[in-house]
C-alpha cells in the first residue's frame, strides 16, 4: 500500500574545534547532535558524536577519544537517505579509544577499543549493553593505504561478550560440594571487511564488503544462538554469519548523479543450534534471508543549499517454515519489493 511522511528529524547541530596547543600536543574535537530520537511523536535532542583528537608535532601517532563512527562504518555509500546503506553497510557510532599510526608511503594502522552504547546486541534478555559490560571491549585492527586517487582499508572486528538472561545464570551448583560456582560463558566473533575507493576529478567509486558474525550491533541482520549446554554449566554459543556488500558512485559537483547497489545474505550459524535457540536483530523482520537495494539519485548543490531526489528500490526474501540446525528457513521463500521516493532539502550553515 501507499504511505508518506514529512520529517525534519535529521536537523543537526554541531561544533568543530581545532587549533588548541599544549606544548607539542595539539587538541581538536567535535560535538554533534540531532533530533532523531522520539518521545512519542515529539523529536528530542540526541547525541551523535562527541570526541577529541590528540596529536603531537613530528609524531606519527594520533588518538581519538569519545563517541565517533565505528571504523568499519565510517566510509558510507553515496546517498542522501537516513539509512546510509544499512543493512548493506555497517552502521554504528560508539564510545572508543582509537589509535592511528602512520607507517609511511601512504600506509597507516588503526587500532580501536570500543564500548557499545547506542547500537546494542540482542540476546536472552533482549537488547542490552550488559553483555559487553561484563565481557571484554570490542576491538578493531585495520590497515589503510591512501594515495591521490585510491583509498583501501582492510580490517577485522573482534567481539567477546557474555550473554545471560539473569545474573543468576552465571552461577551453577558445584557437583563436588553444596556450594555454587561461577561459570563464564562467552561468545567470541570475528568480522573481517574490505573497503576500496577510487577518485578521479568529479567521479568517485566506493565498494565495501563484510563477512559479519553476530553483527546486529552494527545494524546488520544478524544474531547468534546456543550450540550446546555443557556439563560444567557453561553454554557454547554460535554466531549467525552474514555477507553484506555495496558498490556506490558519485559524479558531478553542482549537478550530482549518484547511486548505490547493495546486497546482503544470511549464511547460517557456524555450528548447529540446540533447540533452535536463536536471537536475531529485531530492527527488521527476523525472517529476511537476503536482500538487495538500488538507489539512483540526482542532487542540485547550490552553494550551501542542496535539493535531491532519490528512488529507492529494495527487495527482501522472507523465509518460511521452520529453521534448520544452522538457523536457515526450510520452506519456500518469498520475495517482496518496496518502492520509495525521497526528496530532501538541506541547508548548511
C-alpha atoms as a PDB file:
ATOM      1  CA  UNK A   1       0.000   0.000   0.000  1.00  0.00           C
ATOM      2  CA  UNK A   2       0.912   3.675  -0.323  1.00  0.00           C
ATOM      3  CA  UNK A   3       2.074   5.818   2.602  1.00  0.00           C
ATOM      4  CA  UNK A   4       4.056   9.011   3.025  1.00  0.00           C
ATOM      5  CA  UNK A   5       5.927  11.025   5.663  1.00  0.00           C
ATOM      6  CA  UNK A   6       7.222  14.591   6.057  1.00  0.00           C
ATOM      7  CA  UNK A   7      10.059  14.805   8.616  1.00  0.00           C
ATOM      8  CA  UNK A   8      12.765  17.196   9.797  1.00  0.00           C
ATOM      9  CA  UNK A   9      14.315  14.813  12.320  1.00  0.00           C
ATOM     10  CA  UNK A  10      17.756  14.984  10.714  1.00  0.00           C
ATOM     11  CA  UNK A  11      18.258  18.616  11.711  1.00  0.00           C
ATOM     12  CA  UNK A  12      21.764  18.575  13.181  1.00  0.00           C
ATOM     13  CA  UNK A  13      23.684  20.900  15.447  1.00  0.00           C
ATOM     14  CA  UNK A  14      27.428  20.564  15.676  1.00  0.00           C
ATOM     15  CA  UNK A  15      30.613  22.259  16.721  1.00  0.00           C
ATOM     16  CA  UNK A  16      34.110  21.551  15.418  1.00  0.00           C
ATOM     17  CA  UNK A  17      37.046  22.887  17.435  1.00  0.00           C
ATOM     18  CA  UNK A  18      40.685  22.924  16.349  1.00  0.00           C
ATOM     19  CA  UNK A  19      43.894  24.883  16.831  1.00  0.00           C
ATOM     20  CA  UNK A  20      44.428  24.323  20.569  1.00  0.00           C
ATOM     21  CA  UNK A  21      48.045  23.522  21.520  1.00  0.00           C
ATOM     22  CA  UNK A  22      49.674  22.484  24.770  1.00  0.00           C
ATOM     23  CA  UNK A  23      53.373  22.399  24.078  1.00  0.00           C
ATOM     24  CA  UNK A  24      53.895  19.848  21.306  1.00  0.00           C
ATOM     25  CA  UNK A  25      50.417  18.368  21.736  1.00  0.00           C
ATOM     26  CA  UNK A  26      47.531  19.513  19.558  1.00  0.00           C
ATOM     27  CA  UNK A  27      43.895  19.021  20.577  1.00  0.00           C
ATOM     28  CA  UNK A  28      40.833  19.164  18.344  1.00  0.00           C
ATOM     29  CA  UNK A  29      37.284  17.978  18.886  1.00  0.00           C
ATOM     30  CA  UNK A  30      33.741  17.592  17.654  1.00  0.00           C
ATOM     31  CA  UNK A  31      30.286  17.620  19.250  1.00  0.00           C
ATOM     32  CA  UNK A  32      27.250  16.765  17.121  1.00  0.00           C
ATOM     33  CA  UNK A  33      23.578  16.180  17.963  1.00  0.00           C
ATOM     34  CA  UNK A  34      20.307  15.738  16.098  1.00  0.00           C
ATOM     35  CA  UNK A  35      16.591  15.277  16.813  1.00  0.00           C
ATOM     36  CA  UNK A  36      16.166  11.723  15.503  1.00  0.00           C
ATOM     37  CA  UNK A  37      15.182  10.296  18.916  1.00  0.00           C
ATOM     38  CA  UNK A  38      11.438  10.427  19.529  1.00  0.00           C
ATOM     39  CA  UNK A  39       9.437  10.780  22.734  1.00  0.00           C
ATOM     40  CA  UNK A  40       6.078   9.679  21.395  1.00  0.00           C
ATOM     41  CA  UNK A  41       5.743  11.889  18.323  1.00  0.00           C
ATOM     42  CA  UNK A  42       7.970  14.670  19.680  1.00  0.00           C
ATOM     43  CA  UNK A  43      11.604  14.793  18.482  1.00  0.00           C
ATOM     44  CA  UNK A  44      14.169  15.203  21.259  1.00  0.00           C
ATOM     45  CA  UNK A  45      17.851  16.050  21.129  1.00  0.00           C
ATOM     46  CA  UNK A  46      20.168  13.047  20.691  1.00  0.00           C
ATOM     47  CA  UNK A  47      23.955  12.923  20.937  1.00  0.00           C
ATOM     48  CA  UNK A  48      25.554  11.628  17.741  1.00  0.00           C
ATOM     49  CA  UNK A  49      29.255  12.305  18.195  1.00  0.00           C
ATOM     50  CA  UNK A  50      31.385  13.765  20.974  1.00  0.00           C
ATOM     51  CA  UNK A  51      35.109  13.156  20.708  1.00  0.00           C
ATOM     52  CA  UNK A  52      38.539  14.739  20.904  1.00  0.00           C
ATOM     53  CA  UNK A  53      41.643  14.079  18.838  1.00  0.00           C
ATOM     54  CA  UNK A  54      45.184  14.275  20.177  1.00  0.00           C
ATOM     55  CA  UNK A  55      48.323  14.583  18.061  1.00  0.00           C
ATOM     56  CA  UNK A  56      51.915  15.625  18.605  1.00  0.00           C
ATOM     57  CA  UNK A  57      54.376  17.577  16.482  1.00  0.00           C
ATOM     58  CA  UNK A  58      56.553  15.304  14.330  1.00  0.00           C
ATOM     59  CA  UNK A  59      54.834  12.208  15.705  1.00  0.00           C
ATOM     60  CA  UNK A  60      53.144   9.508  13.528  1.00  0.00           C
ATOM     61  CA  UNK A  61      50.649   8.689  16.303  1.00  0.00           C
ATOM     62  CA  UNK A  62      47.250  10.290  16.956  1.00  0.00           C
ATOM     63  CA  UNK A  63      44.368   9.291  19.235  1.00  0.00           C
ATOM     64  CA  UNK A  64      40.589   9.668  19.032  1.00  0.00           C
ATOM     65  CA  UNK A  65      38.788   9.548  22.398  1.00  0.00           C
ATOM     66  CA  UNK A  66      34.997   9.661  22.744  1.00  0.00           C
ATOM     67  CA  UNK A  67      31.936   8.710  20.708  1.00  0.00           C
ATOM     68  CA  UNK A  68      32.617   8.578  16.980  1.00  0.00           C
ATOM     69  CA  UNK A  69      31.842   6.441  13.954  1.00  0.00           C
ATOM     70  CA  UNK A  70      32.885   2.801  14.174  1.00  0.00           C
ATOM     71  CA  UNK A  71      35.991   2.281  11.981  1.00  0.00           C
ATOM     72  CA  UNK A  72      34.050  -0.200   9.826  1.00  0.00           C
ATOM     73  CA  UNK A  73      31.092   2.190   9.374  1.00  0.00           C
ATOM     74  CA  UNK A  74      32.910   5.444   8.660  1.00  0.00           C
ATOM     75  CA  UNK A  75      33.110   5.079   4.857  1.00  0.00           C
ATOM     76  CA  UNK A  76      29.487   5.147   3.695  1.00  0.00           C
ATOM     77  CA  UNK A  77      27.878   4.726   0.270  1.00  0.00           C
ATOM     78  CA  UNK A  78      26.838   7.725  -1.802  1.00  0.00           C
ATOM     79  CA  UNK A  79      23.234   8.517  -0.874  1.00  0.00           C
ATOM     80  CA  UNK A  80      21.105  11.052   0.992  1.00  0.00           C
ATOM     81  CA  UNK A  81      18.617   8.918   2.942  1.00  0.00           C
ATOM     82  CA  UNK A  82      18.808   8.202   6.671  1.00  0.00           C
ATOM     83  CA  UNK A  83      19.753   4.541   6.275  1.00  0.00           C
ATOM     84  CA  UNK A  84      23.147   5.401   4.706  1.00  0.00           C
ATOM     85  CA  UNK A  85      23.356   1.885   3.322  1.00  0.00           C
ATOM     86  CA  UNK A  86      22.229  -0.222   6.299  1.00  0.00           C
ATOM     87  CA  UNK A  87      21.909  -3.230   6.369  1.00  0.00           C
ATOM     88  CA  UNK A  88      24.340  -3.477   3.451  1.00  0.00           C
ATOM     89  CA  UNK A  89      26.866  -1.256   5.220  1.00  0.00           C
ATOM     90  CA  UNK A  90      27.765  -1.393   8.933  1.00  0.00           C
ATOM     91  CA  UNK A  91      26.115   1.454  10.863  1.00  0.00           C
ATOM     92  CA  UNK A  92      27.409   2.179  14.359  1.00  0.00           C
ATOM     93  CA  UNK A  93      28.682   5.061  16.475  1.00  0.00           C
ATOM     94  CA  UNK A  94      30.343   4.039  19.738  1.00  0.00           C
ATOM     95  CA  UNK A  95      32.478   5.405  22.585  1.00  0.00           C
ATOM     96  CA  UNK A  96      36.015   4.404  21.711  1.00  0.00           C
ATOM     97  CA  UNK A  97      39.733   4.816  22.115  1.00  0.00           C
ATOM     98  CA  UNK A  98      41.304   4.710  18.658  1.00  0.00           C
ATOM     99  CA  UNK A  99      44.962   4.975  17.737  1.00  0.00           C
ATOM    100  CA  UNK A 100      46.102   5.845  14.219  1.00  0.00           C
ATOM    101  CA  UNK A 101      49.743   5.195  13.380  1.00  0.00           C
ATOM    102  CA  UNK A 102      51.262   6.484  10.121  1.00  0.00           C
ATOM    103  CA  UNK A 103      53.630   3.863   8.681  1.00  0.00           C
ATOM    104  CA  UNK A 104      54.908   5.855   5.700  1.00  0.00           C
ATOM    105  CA  UNK A 105      54.399   5.567   1.923  1.00  0.00           C
ATOM    106  CA  UNK A 106      50.652   6.067   2.323  1.00  0.00           C
ATOM    107  CA  UNK A 107      50.142   3.217   4.787  1.00  0.00           C
ATOM    108  CA  UNK A 108      48.692   3.520   8.289  1.00  0.00           C
ATOM    109  CA  UNK A 109      47.495   1.262  11.094  1.00  0.00           C
ATOM    110  CA  UNK A 110      44.309   1.756  13.130  1.00  0.00           C
ATOM    111  CA  UNK A 111      43.599   0.024  16.450  1.00  0.00           C
ATOM    112  CA  UNK A 112      40.438   0.611  18.496  1.00  0.00           C
ATOM    113  CA  UNK A 113      38.798  -0.447  21.723  1.00  0.00           C
ATOM    114  CA  UNK A 114      35.047   0.236  21.659  1.00  0.00           C
ATOM    115  CA  UNK A 115      32.153   0.164  24.107  1.00  0.00           C
ATOM    116  CA  UNK A 116      28.655  -0.331  22.754  1.00  0.00           C
ATOM    117  CA  UNK A 117      26.146   2.318  23.779  1.00  0.00           C
ATOM    118  CA  UNK A 118      23.513   3.392  21.220  1.00  0.00           C
ATOM    119  CA  UNK A 119      23.668   0.312  18.996  1.00  0.00           C
ATOM    120  CA  UNK A 120      23.275  -2.813  21.091  1.00  0.00           C
ATOM    121  CA  UNK A 121      23.444  -6.570  20.574  1.00  0.00           C
ATOM    122  CA  UNK A 122      20.433  -8.762  21.176  1.00  0.00           C
ATOM    123  CA  UNK A 123      20.333 -11.794  23.435  1.00  0.00           C
ATOM    124  CA  UNK A 124      18.445 -13.818  26.071  1.00  0.00           C
ATOM    125  CA  UNK A 125      17.425 -10.664  27.975  1.00  0.00           C
ATOM    126  CA  UNK A 126      16.680  -8.596  24.850  1.00  0.00           C
ATOM    127  CA  UNK A 127      18.930  -5.763  23.711  1.00  0.00           C
ATOM    128  CA  UNK A 128      21.473  -4.896  26.401  1.00  0.00           C
ATOM    129  CA  UNK A 129      24.899  -3.306  26.794  1.00  0.00           C
ATOM    130  CA  UNK A 130      25.494  -5.573  29.814  1.00  0.00           C
ATOM    131  CA  UNK A 131      26.505  -8.437  27.518  1.00  0.00           C
ATOM    132  CA  UNK A 132      29.612  -6.374  26.734  1.00  0.00           C
ATOM    133  CA  UNK A 133      29.836  -4.619  30.077  1.00  0.00           C
ATOM    134  CA  UNK A 134      30.638  -7.927  31.774  1.00  0.00           C
ATOM    135  CA  UNK A 135      32.706  -9.223  28.868  1.00  0.00           C
ATOM    136  CA  UNK A 136      35.637  -7.680  27.013  1.00  0.00           C
ATOM    137  CA  UNK A 137      35.827  -4.432  24.985  1.00  0.00           C
ATOM    138  CA  UNK A 138      35.073  -4.713  21.299  1.00  0.00           C
ATOM    139  CA  UNK A 139      38.361  -4.490  19.394  1.00  0.00           C
ATOM    140  CA  UNK A 140      39.237  -3.425  15.845  1.00  0.00           C
ATOM    141  CA  UNK A 141      42.516  -3.686  13.960  1.00  0.00           C
ATOM    142  CA  UNK A 142      42.975  -2.459  10.405  1.00  0.00           C
ATOM    143  CA  UNK A 143      45.382  -1.153   7.796  1.00  0.00           C
ATOM    144  CA  UNK A 144      44.834   1.711   5.341  1.00  0.00           C
ATOM    145  CA  UNK A 145      46.547   2.693   2.097  1.00  0.00           C
ATOM    146  CA  UNK A 146      45.921   6.176   0.711  1.00  0.00           C
ATOM    147  CA  UNK A 147      47.189   7.867  -2.436  1.00  0.00           C
ATOM    148  CA  UNK A 148      45.969  10.770  -4.574  1.00  0.00           C
ATOM    149  CA  UNK A 149      43.309   8.551  -6.222  1.00  0.00           C
ATOM    150  CA  UNK A 150      42.992   5.389  -4.147  1.00  0.00           C
ATOM    151  CA  UNK A 151      41.884   4.612  -0.595  1.00  0.00           C
ATOM    152  CA  UNK A 152      41.957   0.990   0.558  1.00  0.00           C
ATOM    153  CA  UNK A 153      41.105  -0.348   4.023  1.00  0.00           C
ATOM    154  CA  UNK A 154      41.221  -3.879   5.362  1.00  0.00           C
ATOM    155  CA  UNK A 155      40.454  -4.822   8.941  1.00  0.00           C
ATOM    156  CA  UNK A 156      38.807  -7.173  11.402  1.00  0.00           C
ATOM    157  CA  UNK A 157      36.416  -6.529  14.284  1.00  0.00           C
ATOM    158  CA  UNK A 158      36.550  -8.856  17.305  1.00  0.00           C
ATOM    159  CA  UNK A 159      33.806  -9.183  19.910  1.00  0.00           C
ATOM    160  CA  UNK A 160      33.893 -11.158  23.154  1.00  0.00           C
ATOM    161  CA  UNK A 161      30.671 -10.833  25.134  1.00  0.00           C
ATOM    162  CA  UNK A 162      28.887 -12.649  27.948  1.00  0.00           C
ATOM    163  CA  UNK A 163      25.190 -13.221  27.166  1.00  0.00           C
ATOM    164  CA  UNK A 164      22.828 -14.007  30.035  1.00  0.00           C
ATOM    165  CA  UNK A 165      19.154 -13.934  30.940  1.00  0.00           C
ATOM    166  CA  UNK A 166      19.685 -13.018  34.590  1.00  0.00           C
ATOM    167  CA  UNK A 167      22.806 -12.642  36.710  1.00  0.00           C
ATOM    168  CA  UNK A 168      21.843 -15.945  38.376  1.00  0.00           C
ATOM    169  CA  UNK A 169      22.688 -17.700  35.118  1.00  0.00           C
ATOM    170  CA  UNK A 170      26.339 -17.156  35.976  1.00  0.00           C
ATOM    171  CA  UNK A 171      26.215 -19.493  38.995  1.00  0.00           C
ATOM    172  CA  UNK A 172      25.628 -23.254  38.934  1.00  0.00           C
ATOM    173  CA  UNK A 173      25.656 -25.991  41.521  1.00  0.00           C
ATOM    174  CA  UNK A 174      29.088 -27.489  42.110  1.00  0.00           C
ATOM    175  CA  UNK A 175      28.780 -31.265  41.656  1.00  0.00           C
ATOM    176  CA  UNK A 176      31.511 -31.866  44.276  1.00  0.00           C
ATOM    177  CA  UNK A 177      30.135 -29.641  47.069  1.00  0.00           C
ATOM    178  CA  UNK A 178      26.956 -27.916  48.270  1.00  0.00           C
ATOM    179  CA  UNK A 179      28.316 -24.566  47.097  1.00  0.00           C
ATOM    180  CA  UNK A 180      27.592 -22.801  43.827  1.00  0.00           C
ATOM    181  CA  UNK A 181      30.360 -21.757  41.460  1.00  0.00           C
ATOM    182  CA  UNK A 182      30.560 -19.003  38.866  1.00  0.00           C
ATOM    183  CA  UNK A 183      30.747 -20.072  35.241  1.00  0.00           C
ATOM    184  CA  UNK A 184      31.822 -17.876  32.357  1.00  0.00           C
ATOM    185  CA  UNK A 185      30.150 -18.474  29.024  1.00  0.00           C
ATOM    186  CA  UNK A 186      31.464 -16.184  26.268  1.00  0.00           C
ATOM    187  CA  UNK A 187      30.586 -15.593  22.645  1.00  0.00           C
ATOM    188  CA  UNK A 188      33.655 -14.723  20.549  1.00  0.00           C
ATOM    189  CA  UNK A 189      33.205 -13.448  16.987  1.00  0.00           C
ATOM    190  CA  UNK A 190      35.436 -12.124  14.202  1.00  0.00           C
ATOM    191  CA  UNK A 191      34.179  -9.955  11.326  1.00  0.00           C
ATOM    192  CA  UNK A 192      36.647  -9.064   8.521  1.00  0.00           C
ATOM    193  CA  UNK A 193      35.956  -6.328   5.971  1.00  0.00           C
ATOM    194  CA  UNK A 194      37.450  -4.711   2.877  1.00  0.00           C
ATOM    195  CA  UNK A 195      36.826  -1.191   1.564  1.00  0.00           C
ATOM    196  CA  UNK A 196      38.139   0.453  -1.626  1.00  0.00           C
ATOM    197  CA  UNK A 197      37.631   3.935  -3.071  1.00  0.00           C
ATOM    198  CA  UNK A 198      38.743   5.470  -6.382  1.00  0.00           C
ATOM    199  CA  UNK A 199      38.573   9.218  -7.089  1.00  0.00           C
ATOM    200  CA  UNK A 200      39.225  10.966 -10.396  1.00  0.00           C
ATOM    201  CA  UNK A 201      38.100  14.588 -10.680  1.00  0.00           C
ATOM    202  CA  UNK A 202      34.338  14.781 -10.110  1.00  0.00           C
ATOM    203  CA  UNK A 203      33.957  10.991 -10.182  1.00  0.00           C
ATOM    204  CA  UNK A 204      34.198   8.728  -7.132  1.00  0.00           C
ATOM    205  CA  UNK A 205      33.613   4.987  -6.792  1.00  0.00           C
ATOM    206  CA  UNK A 206      33.321   3.092  -3.474  1.00  0.00           C
ATOM    207  CA  UNK A 207      32.924  -0.570  -2.591  1.00  0.00           C
ATOM    208  CA  UNK A 208      32.786  -2.396   0.730  1.00  0.00           C
ATOM    209  CA  UNK A 209      32.257  -5.996   1.777  1.00  0.00           C
ATOM    210  CA  UNK A 210      31.988  -7.527   5.253  1.00  0.00           C
ATOM    211  CA  UNK A 211      31.648 -11.102   6.471  1.00  0.00           C
ATOM    212  CA  UNK A 212      29.972 -10.436   9.800  1.00  0.00           C
ATOM    213  CA  UNK A 213      29.493 -12.744  12.760  1.00  0.00           C
ATOM    214  CA  UNK A 214      26.722 -11.645  15.159  1.00  0.00           C
ATOM    215  CA  UNK A 215      26.835  -8.187  13.579  1.00  0.00           C
ATOM    216  CA  UNK A 216      23.492  -6.924  14.896  1.00  0.00           C
ATOM    217  CA  UNK A 217      25.268  -4.208  16.923  1.00  0.00           C
ATOM    218  CA  UNK A 218      26.321  -2.762  13.541  1.00  0.00           C
ATOM    219  CA  UNK A 219      22.694  -2.759  12.293  1.00  0.00           C
ATOM    220  CA  UNK A 220      23.282  -5.848  10.189  1.00  0.00           C
ATOM    221  CA  UNK A 221      20.552  -8.517  10.007  1.00  0.00           C
ATOM    222  CA  UNK A 222      22.393 -10.963  12.218  1.00  0.00           C
ATOM    223  CA  UNK A 223      22.415 -12.623  15.628  1.00  0.00           C
ATOM    224  CA  UNK A 224      23.576 -15.726  17.477  1.00  0.00           C
ATOM    225  CA  UNK A 225      22.264 -18.790  19.254  1.00  0.00           C
ATOM    226  CA  UNK A 226      23.076 -21.702  21.573  1.00  0.00           C
ATOM    227  CA  UNK A 227      25.184 -24.573  20.258  1.00  0.00           C
ATOM    228  CA  UNK A 228      25.304 -26.634  23.449  1.00  0.00           C
ATOM    229  CA  UNK A 229      24.592 -26.650  27.171  1.00  0.00           C
ATOM    230  CA  UNK A 230      27.702 -28.188  28.716  1.00  0.00           C
ATOM    231  CA  UNK A 231      28.022 -30.481  31.742  1.00  0.00           C
ATOM    232  CA  UNK A 232      30.137 -27.923  33.628  1.00  0.00           C
ATOM    233  CA  UNK A 233      27.316 -25.364  33.467  1.00  0.00           C
ATOM    234  CA  UNK A 234      28.771 -23.296  30.632  1.00  0.00           C
ATOM    235  CA  UNK A 235      26.990 -22.531  27.378  1.00  0.00           C
ATOM    236  CA  UNK A 236      28.627 -22.679  23.945  1.00  0.00           C
ATOM    237  CA  UNK A 237      27.218 -20.050  21.568  1.00  0.00           C
ATOM    238  CA  UNK A 238      27.351 -19.939  17.784  1.00  0.00           C
ATOM    239  CA  UNK A 239      27.074 -16.736  15.682  1.00  0.00           C
ATOM    240  CA  UNK A 240      24.963 -16.189  12.598  1.00  0.00           C
ATOM    241  CA  UNK A 241      27.187 -15.283   9.636  1.00  0.00           C
ATOM    242  CA  UNK A 242      26.127 -12.596   7.165  1.00  0.00           C
ATOM    243  CA  UNK A 243      27.682 -11.311   3.979  1.00  0.00           C
ATOM    244  CA  UNK A 244      26.888  -7.635   3.312  1.00  0.00           C
ATOM    245  CA  UNK A 245      28.307  -5.559   0.437  1.00  0.00           C
ATOM    246  CA  UNK A 246      27.717  -2.403  -1.559  1.00  0.00           C
ATOM    247  CA  UNK A 247      29.065  -0.550  -4.589  1.00  0.00           C
ATOM    248  CA  UNK A 248      28.318   3.164  -4.990  1.00  0.00           C
ATOM    249  CA  UNK A 249      29.356   6.066  -7.199  1.00  0.00           C
ATOM    250  CA  UNK A 250      29.056   9.825  -7.428  1.00  0.00           C
ATOM    251  CA  UNK A 251      29.697  12.158 -10.367  1.00  0.00           C
ATOM    252  CA  UNK A 252      29.405  15.921 -10.541  1.00  0.00           C
ATOM    253  CA  UNK A 253      29.545  18.881  -8.201  1.00  0.00           C
ATOM    254  CA  UNK A 254      26.771  21.418  -8.849  1.00  0.00           C
ATOM    255  CA  UNK A 255      24.587  18.838 -10.610  1.00  0.00           C
ATOM    256  CA  UNK A 256      25.363  15.493  -8.996  1.00  0.00           C
ATOM    257  CA  UNK A 257      24.376  11.968 -10.015  1.00  0.00           C
ATOM    258  CA  UNK A 258      24.917   9.139  -7.544  1.00  0.00           C
ATOM    259  CA  UNK A 259      23.670   5.710  -6.600  1.00  0.00           C
ATOM    260  CA  UNK A 260      24.250   2.509  -4.636  1.00  0.00           C
ATOM    261  CA  UNK A 261      23.795  -1.198  -5.256  1.00  0.00           C
ATOM    262  CA  UNK A 262      23.688  -3.239  -2.052  1.00  0.00           C
ATOM    263  CA  UNK A 263      23.296  -6.939  -1.310  1.00  0.00           C
ATOM    264  CA  UNK A 264      23.162  -8.988   1.898  1.00  0.00           C
ATOM    265  CA  UNK A 265      22.665 -12.674   2.606  1.00  0.00           C
ATOM    266  CA  UNK A 266      22.453 -14.746   5.766  1.00  0.00           C
ATOM    267  CA  UNK A 267      24.836 -17.703   5.604  1.00  0.00           C
ATOM    268  CA  UNK A 268      23.684 -19.603   8.692  1.00  0.00           C
ATOM    269  CA  UNK A 269      25.321 -20.198  12.054  1.00  0.00           C
ATOM    270  CA  UNK A 270      28.860 -21.560  12.271  1.00  0.00           C
ATOM    271  CA  UNK A 271      27.702 -24.547  14.375  1.00  0.00           C
ATOM    272  CA  UNK A 272      24.433 -26.413  14.790  1.00  0.00           C
ATOM    273  CA  UNK A 273      21.859 -24.863  17.103  1.00  0.00           C
ATOM    274  CA  UNK A 274      20.395 -26.562  20.161  1.00  0.00           C
ATOM    275  CA  UNK A 275      16.586 -26.493  20.366  1.00  0.00           C
ATOM    276  CA  UNK A 276      16.583 -23.649  17.778  1.00  0.00           C
ATOM    277  CA  UNK A 277      17.631 -21.155  20.462  1.00  0.00           C
ATOM    278  CA  UNK A 278      18.478 -18.157  18.286  1.00  0.00           C
ATOM    279  CA  UNK A 279      18.372 -14.396  18.967  1.00  0.00           C
ATOM    280  CA  UNK A 280      18.202 -12.137  15.907  1.00  0.00           C
ATOM    281  CA  UNK A 281      18.330  -8.393  15.284  1.00  0.00           C
ATOM    282  CA  UNK A 282      14.805  -7.124  15.884  1.00  0.00           C
ATOM    283  CA  UNK A 283      15.391  -3.855  13.980  1.00  0.00           C
ATOM    284  CA  UNK A 284      13.984  -5.635  10.919  1.00  0.00           C
ATOM    285  CA  UNK A 285      11.880  -8.713  10.193  1.00  0.00           C
ATOM    286  CA  UNK A 286      13.828 -11.708  11.507  1.00  0.00           C
ATOM    287  CA  UNK A 287      12.648 -13.842   8.576  1.00  0.00           C
ATOM    288  CA  UNK A 288      14.682 -11.874   6.000  1.00  0.00           C
ATOM    289  CA  UNK A 289      17.195 -14.269   4.413  1.00  0.00           C
ATOM    290  CA  UNK A 290      18.656 -11.996   1.748  1.00  0.00           C
ATOM    291  CA  UNK A 291      18.003  -8.565   0.275  1.00  0.00           C
ATOM    292  CA  UNK A 292      19.232  -6.072  -2.311  1.00  0.00           C
ATOM    293  CA  UNK A 293      18.773  -2.352  -2.857  1.00  0.00           C
ATOM    294  CA  UNK A 294      19.309   0.155  -5.689  1.00  0.00           C
ATOM    295  CA  UNK A 295      19.207   3.932  -5.092  1.00  0.00           C
ATOM    296  CA  UNK A 296      19.632   6.120  -8.203  1.00  0.00           C
ATOM    297  CA  UNK A 297      19.807   9.755  -7.041  1.00  0.00           C
ATOM    298  CA  UNK A 298      20.145  13.235  -8.523  1.00  0.00           C
ATOM    299  CA  UNK A 299      21.092  16.300  -6.498  1.00  0.00           C
ATOM    300  CA  UNK A 300      21.488  20.020  -7.116  1.00  0.00           C
ATOM    301  CA  UNK A 301      24.129  21.627  -4.902  1.00  0.00           C
ATOM    302  CA  UNK A 302      23.676  25.400  -4.945  1.00  0.00           C
ATOM    303  CA  UNK A 303      26.329  26.600  -2.550  1.00  0.00           C
ATOM    304  CA  UNK A 304      25.141  25.786   0.960  1.00  0.00           C
ATOM    305  CA  UNK A 305      21.702  24.701  -0.305  1.00  0.00           C
ATOM    306  CA  UNK A 306      21.015  21.188  -1.663  1.00  0.00           C
ATOM    307  CA  UNK A 307      17.905  19.525  -3.022  1.00  0.00           C
ATOM    308  CA  UNK A 308      17.958  15.863  -4.050  1.00  0.00           C
ATOM    309  CA  UNK A 309      15.583  13.207  -5.350  1.00  0.00           C
ATOM    310  CA  UNK A 310      16.202   9.511  -4.740  1.00  0.00           C
ATOM    311  CA  UNK A 311      14.414   6.401  -5.970  1.00  0.00           C
ATOM    312  CA  UNK A 312      14.908   3.556  -3.508  1.00  0.00           C
ATOM    313  CA  UNK A 313      14.164   0.028  -4.730  1.00  0.00           C
ATOM    314  CA  UNK A 314      14.535  -2.615  -2.022  1.00  0.00           C
ATOM    315  CA  UNK A 315      13.780  -6.313  -2.384  1.00  0.00           C
ATOM    316  CA  UNK A 316      13.854  -8.792   0.501  1.00  0.00           C
ATOM    317  CA  UNK A 317      13.492 -12.555   0.559  1.00  0.00           C
ATOM    318  CA  UNK A 318      11.459 -13.810   3.522  1.00  0.00           C
ATOM    319  CA  UNK A 319      11.902 -17.366   4.763  1.00  0.00           C
ATOM    320  CA  UNK A 320       9.007 -19.663   5.655  1.00  0.00           C
ATOM    321  CA  UNK A 321       8.532 -22.891   7.539  1.00  0.00           C
ATOM    322  CA  UNK A 322      10.925 -23.856  10.334  1.00  0.00           C
ATOM    323  CA  UNK A 323      14.563 -23.023  10.905  1.00  0.00           C
ATOM    324  CA  UNK A 324      17.075 -25.812  10.354  1.00  0.00           C
ATOM    325  CA  UNK A 325      20.071 -26.622  12.569  1.00  0.00           C
ATOM    326  CA  UNK A 326      22.019 -23.663  11.096  1.00  0.00           C
ATOM    327  CA  UNK A 327      19.210 -21.150  11.570  1.00  0.00           C
ATOM    328  CA  UNK A 328      18.030 -21.007   7.954  1.00  0.00           C
ATOM    329  CA  UNK A 329      14.374 -21.407   6.954  1.00  0.00           C
ATOM    330  CA  UNK A 330      13.419 -24.649   5.206  1.00  0.00           C
ATOM    331  CA  UNK A 331      10.181 -23.552   3.486  1.00  0.00           C
ATOM    332  CA  UNK A 332       9.663 -21.891   0.105  1.00  0.00           C
ATOM    333  CA  UNK A 333      10.981 -18.296   0.311  1.00  0.00           C
ATOM    334  CA  UNK A 334       9.011 -15.265  -0.890  1.00  0.00           C
ATOM    335  CA  UNK A 335      10.419 -12.084  -2.442  1.00  0.00           C
ATOM    336  CA  UNK A 336       8.808  -8.738  -1.595  1.00  0.00           C
ATOM    337  CA  UNK A 337       9.541  -5.481  -3.460  1.00  0.00           C
ATOM    338  CA  UNK A 338       9.332  -1.992  -1.943  1.00  0.00           C
ATOM    339  CA  UNK A 339       9.410   1.267  -3.931  1.00  0.00           C
ATOM    340  CA  UNK A 340      10.209   4.558  -2.224  1.00  0.00           C
ATOM    341  CA  UNK A 341      10.823   8.116  -3.441  1.00  0.00           C
ATOM    342  CA  UNK A 342      12.724  10.503  -1.198  1.00  0.00           C
ATOM    343  CA  UNK A 343      13.011  14.258  -1.721  1.00  0.00           C
ATOM    344  CA  UNK A 344      15.414  16.056   0.588  1.00  0.00           C
ATOM    345  CA  UNK A 345      16.287  19.710   1.065  1.00  0.00           C
ATOM    346  CA  UNK A 346      19.364  20.661   3.068  1.00  0.00           C
ATOM    347  CA  UNK A 347      20.865  23.962   4.189  1.00  0.00           C
ATOM    348  CA  UNK A 348      24.312  24.025   5.761  1.00  0.00           C
ATOM    349  CA  UNK A 349      25.243  26.976   7.923  1.00  0.00           C
END
